């Protein structure tokens, strides 16, 4: 059987838990901010890829193209 805890022991344990909770809240906030920024970057990249696909003549499908299509205009 454990001896009864003194008020000082309980106060110290409670203080330690409050400190851990505070650090955890800060870490969660930092992680949320990182995720938010990464999602913004992903959205921007998706828009860029979509624009690049629209710029290609075949619509970005990567279909077969003849080497004659690749000849410079002076041939």
N, C-alpha and C. Protein backbone atom coordinates (compact mmCIF):
# COMPACT_ATOMS: atom_id res chain seq x y z
N UNK A 1 0.85 -1.19 0.00
CA UNK A 1 0.00 0.00 0.00
C UNK A 1 0.89 1.24 0.00
N UNK A 2 0.52 2.22 -0.82
CA UNK A 2 1.30 3.45 -0.92
C UNK A 2 1.01 4.37 0.25
N UNK A 3 2.03 5.10 0.68
CA UNK A 3 1.76 6.08 1.75
C UNK A 3 0.94 7.24 1.17
N UNK A 4 0.15 7.90 2.02
CA UNK A 4 -0.67 9.01 1.52
C UNK A 4 0.22 10.14 0.99
N UNK A 5 -0.28 10.79 -0.08
CA UNK A 5 0.49 11.89 -0.70
C UNK A 5 0.26 13.17 0.08
N UNK A 6 1.31 13.94 0.21
CA UNK A 6 1.23 15.23 0.87
C UNK A 6 0.77 16.27 -0.14
N UNK A 7 0.26 17.37 0.36
CA UNK A 7 -0.20 18.44 -0.52
C UNK A 7 0.92 18.95 -1.42
N UNK A 8 2.13 19.00 -0.92
CA UNK A 8 3.26 19.49 -1.73
C UNK A 8 3.51 18.55 -2.90
N UNK A 9 3.41 17.24 -2.66
CA UNK A 9 3.59 16.27 -3.75
C UNK A 9 2.50 16.41 -4.81
N UNK A 10 1.28 16.57 -4.33
CA UNK A 10 0.16 16.73 -5.27
C UNK A 10 0.32 18.02 -6.07
N UNK A 11 0.71 19.10 -5.39
CA UNK A 11 0.91 20.37 -6.08
C UNK A 11 2.00 20.26 -7.15
N UNK A 12 3.10 19.57 -6.81
CA UNK A 12 4.19 19.42 -7.77
C UNK A 12 3.75 18.61 -8.98
N UNK A 13 3.04 17.52 -8.74
CA UNK A 13 2.55 16.69 -9.85
C UNK A 13 1.57 17.48 -10.72
N UNK A 14 0.71 18.26 -10.08
CA UNK A 14 -0.24 19.06 -10.83
C UNK A 14 0.47 20.12 -11.66
N UNK A 15 1.50 20.74 -11.08
CA UNK A 15 2.29 21.75 -11.81
C UNK A 15 2.98 21.11 -13.01
N UNK A 16 3.56 19.92 -12.81
CA UNK A 16 4.22 19.22 -13.91
C UNK A 16 3.24 18.91 -15.04
N UNK A 17 2.05 18.47 -14.68
CA UNK A 17 1.03 18.18 -15.70
C UNK A 17 0.60 19.44 -16.44
N UNK A 18 0.47 20.54 -15.73
CA UNK A 18 0.10 21.80 -16.38
C UNK A 18 1.19 22.26 -17.35
N UNK A 19 2.44 22.08 -16.97
CA UNK A 19 3.56 22.46 -17.85
C UNK A 19 3.54 21.59 -19.11
N UNK A 20 3.37 20.28 -18.92
CA UNK A 20 3.31 19.37 -20.08
C UNK A 20 2.15 19.72 -20.99
N UNK A 21 1.00 20.03 -20.41
CA UNK A 21 -0.17 20.39 -21.21
C UNK A 21 0.09 21.67 -22.00
N UNK A 22 0.77 22.61 -21.40
CA UNK A 22 1.07 23.87 -22.07
C UNK A 22 2.01 23.63 -23.26
N UNK A 23 3.06 22.83 -23.05
CA UNK A 23 3.98 22.52 -24.16
C UNK A 23 3.25 21.76 -25.27
N UNK A 24 2.36 20.86 -24.88
CA UNK A 24 1.60 20.08 -25.87
C UNK A 24 0.70 20.99 -26.69
N UNK A 25 0.05 21.95 -26.05
CA UNK A 25 -0.80 22.90 -26.77
C UNK A 25 0.01 23.71 -27.77
N UNK A 26 1.20 24.16 -27.35
CA UNK A 26 2.07 24.92 -28.25
C UNK A 26 2.49 24.08 -29.44
N UNK A 27 2.86 22.83 -29.19
CA UNK A 27 3.29 21.94 -30.26
C UNK A 27 2.16 21.67 -31.24
N UNK A 28 0.97 21.43 -30.73
CA UNK A 28 -0.19 21.18 -31.59
C UNK A 28 -0.47 22.41 -32.46
N UNK A 29 -0.36 23.58 -31.89
CA UNK A 29 -0.58 24.81 -32.66
C UNK A 29 0.46 24.96 -33.76
N UNK A 30 1.73 24.66 -33.45
CA UNK A 30 2.78 24.74 -34.47
C UNK A 30 2.53 23.73 -35.59
N UNK A 31 2.11 22.52 -35.22
CA UNK A 31 1.83 21.50 -36.22
C UNK A 31 0.64 21.89 -37.09
N UNK A 32 -0.37 22.46 -36.49
CA UNK A 32 -1.53 22.92 -37.26
C UNK A 32 -1.12 24.00 -38.26
N UNK A 33 -0.26 24.90 -37.84
CA UNK A 33 0.21 25.97 -38.73
C UNK A 33 1.02 25.38 -39.88
N UNK A 34 1.86 24.39 -39.58
CA UNK A 34 2.65 23.74 -40.62
C UNK A 34 1.75 23.03 -41.62
N UNK A 35 0.75 22.33 -41.14
CA UNK A 35 -0.18 21.64 -42.02
C UNK A 35 -0.93 22.64 -42.89
N UNK A 36 -1.35 23.74 -42.31
CA UNK A 36 -2.07 24.77 -43.07
C UNK A 36 -1.19 25.32 -44.19
N UNK A 37 0.07 25.62 -43.88
CA UNK A 37 0.99 26.13 -44.90
C UNK A 37 1.25 25.10 -45.99
N UNK A 38 1.42 23.85 -45.60
CA UNK A 38 1.66 22.80 -46.59
C UNK A 38 0.44 22.62 -47.50
N UNK A 39 -0.74 22.72 -46.94
CA UNK A 39 -1.94 22.59 -47.77
C UNK A 39 -2.04 23.74 -48.76
N UNK A 40 -1.66 24.94 -48.35
CA UNK A 40 -1.64 26.07 -49.27
C UNK A 40 -0.65 25.82 -50.41
N UNK A 41 0.52 25.27 -50.08
CA UNK A 41 1.51 24.95 -51.11
C UNK A 41 1.00 23.87 -52.05
N UNK A 42 0.35 22.86 -51.52
CA UNK A 42 -0.21 21.79 -52.35
C UNK A 42 -1.26 22.36 -53.29
N UNK A 43 -2.14 23.21 -52.78
CA UNK A 43 -3.18 23.82 -53.62
C UNK A 43 -2.57 24.65 -54.74
N UNK A 44 -1.51 25.41 -54.43
CA UNK A 44 -0.84 26.22 -55.44
C UNK A 44 -0.20 25.33 -56.51
N UNK A 45 0.43 24.25 -56.09
CA UNK A 45 1.05 23.33 -57.04
C UNK A 45 0.01 22.65 -57.93
N UNK A 46 -1.11 22.31 -57.36
CA UNK A 46 -2.19 21.71 -58.16
C UNK A 46 -2.67 22.69 -59.22
N UNK A 47 -2.81 23.97 -58.85
CA UNK A 47 -3.22 24.98 -59.83
C UNK A 47 -2.17 25.13 -60.93
N UNK A 48 -0.89 25.13 -60.55
CA UNK A 48 0.18 25.27 -61.54
C UNK A 48 0.20 24.09 -62.50
N UNK A 49 0.05 22.88 -61.99
CA UNK A 49 0.04 21.70 -62.86
C UNK A 49 -1.15 21.76 -63.80
N UNK A 50 -2.28 22.18 -63.28
CA UNK A 50 -3.47 22.30 -64.12
C UNK A 50 -3.25 23.31 -65.24
N UNK A 51 -2.64 24.45 -64.91
CA UNK A 51 -2.35 25.46 -65.94
C UNK A 51 -1.36 24.94 -66.97
N UNK A 52 -0.35 24.21 -66.52
CA UNK A 52 0.64 23.65 -67.45
C UNK A 52 -0.01 22.62 -68.38
N UNK A 53 -0.91 21.83 -67.85
CA UNK A 53 -1.61 20.85 -68.69
C UNK A 53 -2.46 21.54 -69.75
N UNK A 54 -3.05 22.67 -69.40
CA UNK A 54 -3.87 23.40 -70.36
C UNK A 54 -3.01 24.03 -71.45
N UNK A 55 -1.75 24.31 -71.16
CA UNK A 55 -0.87 24.94 -72.13
C UNK A 55 -0.34 23.96 -73.17
N UNK A 56 -0.32 22.67 -72.85
CA UNK A 56 0.21 21.70 -73.81
C UNK A 56 -0.80 21.47 -74.92
N UNK A 57 -0.32 21.24 -76.15
CA UNK A 57 -1.24 21.09 -77.29
C UNK A 57 -2.18 19.91 -77.15
N UNK A 58 -1.73 18.82 -76.56
CA UNK A 58 -2.60 17.64 -76.45
C UNK A 58 -3.36 17.59 -75.13
N UNK A 59 -3.35 18.67 -74.40
CA UNK A 59 -4.10 18.75 -73.15
C UNK A 59 -3.43 18.01 -72.01
N UNK A 60 -2.15 17.70 -72.17
CA UNK A 60 -1.41 17.05 -71.09
C UNK A 60 -1.65 15.57 -71.01
N UNK A 61 -2.21 14.97 -72.07
CA UNK A 61 -2.48 13.54 -72.01
C UNK A 61 -1.24 12.71 -72.27
N UNK A 62 -0.20 13.30 -72.84
CA UNK A 62 1.03 12.57 -73.09
C UNK A 62 0.89 11.56 -74.20
N UNK A 63 0.01 11.83 -75.15
CA UNK A 63 -0.21 10.92 -76.26
C UNK A 63 0.99 10.84 -77.19
N UNK A 64 0.95 9.91 -78.12
CA UNK A 64 2.05 9.71 -79.07
C UNK A 64 2.18 10.92 -79.99
N UNK A 65 3.45 11.33 -80.19
CA UNK A 65 3.71 12.42 -81.13
C UNK A 65 4.82 11.96 -82.06
N UNK A 66 4.66 12.27 -83.32
CA UNK A 66 5.65 11.89 -84.32
C UNK A 66 6.89 12.75 -84.17
N UNK A 67 8.06 12.17 -84.50
CA UNK A 67 9.29 12.95 -84.46
C UNK A 67 9.26 14.08 -85.49
N UNK A 68 8.49 13.90 -86.56
CA UNK A 68 8.37 14.97 -87.57
C UNK A 68 7.73 16.21 -86.97
N UNK A 69 6.88 16.02 -85.98
CA UNK A 69 6.28 17.17 -85.30
C UNK A 69 7.30 17.96 -84.52
N UNK A 70 8.41 17.33 -84.20
CA UNK A 70 9.46 17.96 -83.41
C UNK A 70 10.51 18.68 -84.26
N UNK A 71 10.44 18.57 -85.57
CA UNK A 71 11.43 19.21 -86.44
C UNK A 71 11.32 20.72 -86.36
N UNK A 72 12.46 21.40 -86.39
CA UNK A 72 12.42 22.85 -86.40
C UNK A 72 11.74 23.36 -87.67
N UNK A 73 11.21 24.58 -87.67
CA UNK A 73 10.46 25.11 -88.81
C UNK A 73 11.27 25.23 -90.11
N UNK A 74 12.59 25.33 -90.06
CA UNK A 74 13.34 25.55 -91.28
C UNK A 74 13.57 24.27 -92.08
N UNK A 75 13.12 23.11 -91.64
CA UNK A 75 13.24 21.88 -92.42
C UNK A 75 12.12 21.68 -93.36
